[in-house]
C-alpha atoms as a PDB file:
ATOM      1  CA  MET A   1     101.916  81.068 108.544  1.00  0.00           C
ATOM      2  CA  PRO A   2     102.826  81.307 112.236  1.00  0.00           C
ATOM      3  CA  VAL A   3     103.814  78.057 113.831  1.00  0.00           C
ATOM      4  CA  THR A   4     102.444  78.885 117.294  1.00  0.00           C
ATOM      5  CA  GLY A   5      99.819  81.126 118.778  1.00  0.00           C
ATOM      6  CA  GLU A   6      96.308  82.064 117.853  1.00  0.00           C
ATOM      7  CA  LEU A   7      97.083  82.668 114.157  1.00  0.00           C
ATOM      8  CA  SER A   8      98.667  79.135 113.683  1.00  0.00           C
ATOM      9  CA  GLN A   9      95.163  77.542 113.703  1.00  0.00           C
ATOM     10  CA  GLN A  10      93.611  80.078 111.323  1.00  0.00           C
ATOM     11  CA  ASN A  11      92.041  78.840 108.047  1.00  0.00           C
ATOM     12  CA  ILE A  12      92.947  80.827 104.937  1.00  0.00           C
ATOM     13  CA  LYS A  13      89.235  81.066 103.949  1.00  0.00           C
ATOM     14  CA  ASP A  14      88.423  82.452 107.366  1.00  0.00           C
ATOM     15  CA  ARG A  15      91.045  85.123 106.907  1.00  0.00           C
ATOM     16  CA  TYR A  16      89.847  85.955 103.396  1.00  0.00           C
ATOM     17  CA  TYR A  17      86.165  86.303 104.463  1.00  0.00           C
ATOM     18  CA  GLY A  18      86.962  87.828 107.889  1.00  0.00           C
ATOM     19  CA  VAL A  19      85.302  85.012 109.792  1.00  0.00           C
ATOM     20  CA  ASN A  20      86.881  83.894 113.110  1.00  0.00           C
ATOM     21  CA  ASP A  21      89.774  86.246 112.286  1.00  0.00           C
ATOM     22  CA  PRO A  22      91.737  87.630 115.331  1.00  0.00           C
ATOM     23  CA  VAL A  23      93.496  90.231 113.204  1.00  0.00           C
ATOM     24  CA  THR A  24      90.156  91.630 111.983  1.00  0.00           C
ATOM     25  CA  LEU A  25      88.809  91.640 115.520  1.00  0.00           C
ATOM     26  CA  LYS A  26      91.853  93.512 116.762  1.00  0.00           C
ATOM     27  CA  LEU A  27      91.492  96.172 113.972  1.00  0.00           C
ATOM     28  CA  LEU A  28      87.766  96.594 114.537  1.00  0.00           C
ATOM     29  CA  ASN A  29      88.258  96.981 118.286  1.00  0.00           C
ATOM     30  CA  LYS A  30      90.971  99.555 117.680  1.00  0.00           C
ATOM     31  CA  ALA A  31      88.667 101.452 115.279  1.00  0.00           C
ATOM     32  CA  GLY A  32      85.856 101.261 117.839  1.00  0.00           C
ATOM     33  CA  GLU A  33      87.999 103.067 120.386  1.00  0.00           C
ATOM     34  CA  MET A  34      88.632 105.980 118.122  1.00  0.00           C
ATOM     35  CA  PRO A  35      86.593 109.115 118.630  1.00  0.00           C
ATOM     36  CA  PRO A  36      83.884 109.785 115.988  1.00  0.00           C
ATOM     37  CA  LEU A  37      84.445 112.370 113.275  1.00  0.00           C
ATOM     38  CA  GLU A  38      82.624 115.565 114.032  1.00  0.00           C
ATOM     39  CA  PRO A  39      81.093 117.509 111.143  1.00  0.00           C
ATOM     40  CA  PRO A  40      82.616 120.983 110.597  1.00  0.00           C
ATOM     41  CA  GLU A  41      80.724 124.039 111.749  1.00  0.00           C
ATOM     42  CA  ASP A  42      80.817 125.468 108.220  1.00  0.00           C
ATOM     43  CA  GLU A  43      78.141 123.479 106.411  1.00  0.00           C
ATOM     44  CA  SER A  44      79.475 124.512 103.015  1.00  0.00           C
ATOM     45  CA  ILE A  45      82.397 122.145 103.556  1.00  0.00           C
ATOM     46  CA  ARG A  46      81.708 118.966 101.590  1.00  0.00           C
ATOM     47  CA  THR A  47      85.107 117.413 101.267  1.00  0.00           C
ATOM     48  CA  LEU A  48      86.834 114.746 103.378  1.00  0.00           C
ATOM     49  CA  TYR A  49      90.581 114.455 102.931  1.00  0.00           C
ATOM     50  CA  VAL A  50      91.925 110.890 103.098  1.00  0.00           C
ATOM     51  CA  GLY A  51      95.676 111.199 103.090  1.00  0.00           C
ATOM     52  CA  CYS A  52      98.066 108.600 101.572  1.00  0.00           C
ATOM     53  CA  LYS A  53      95.277 106.508 100.025  1.00  0.00           C
ATOM     54  CA  ILE A  54      94.244 108.674  97.047  1.00  0.00           C
ATOM     55  CA  LYS A  55      96.161 106.695  94.396  1.00  0.00           C
ATOM     56  CA  TYR A  56      94.699 103.466  95.660  1.00  0.00           C
ATOM     57  CA  ILE A  57      91.166 104.814  95.711  1.00  0.00           C
ATOM     58  CA  MET A  58      91.446 106.446  92.232  1.00  0.00           C
ATOM     59  CA  PHE A  59      92.758 103.266  90.616  1.00  0.00           C
ATOM     60  CA  ASN A  60      90.136 101.013  92.229  1.00  0.00           C
ATOM     61  CA  ILE A  61      86.935 102.939  91.476  1.00  0.00           C
END
């Protein structure tokens, strides 16, 4: 745990549940700044590629 700064006062339960969590807020703010995904013009396309996470997703279904 950090000794100083905003993370030094963080409760482990808050981090686990994402309550009063500055790291979560930072990630959510960053995601909110990203442009939305636009659907492809070809409506027959039904696949979304998620790179580098396939093994994690397949093992945690």
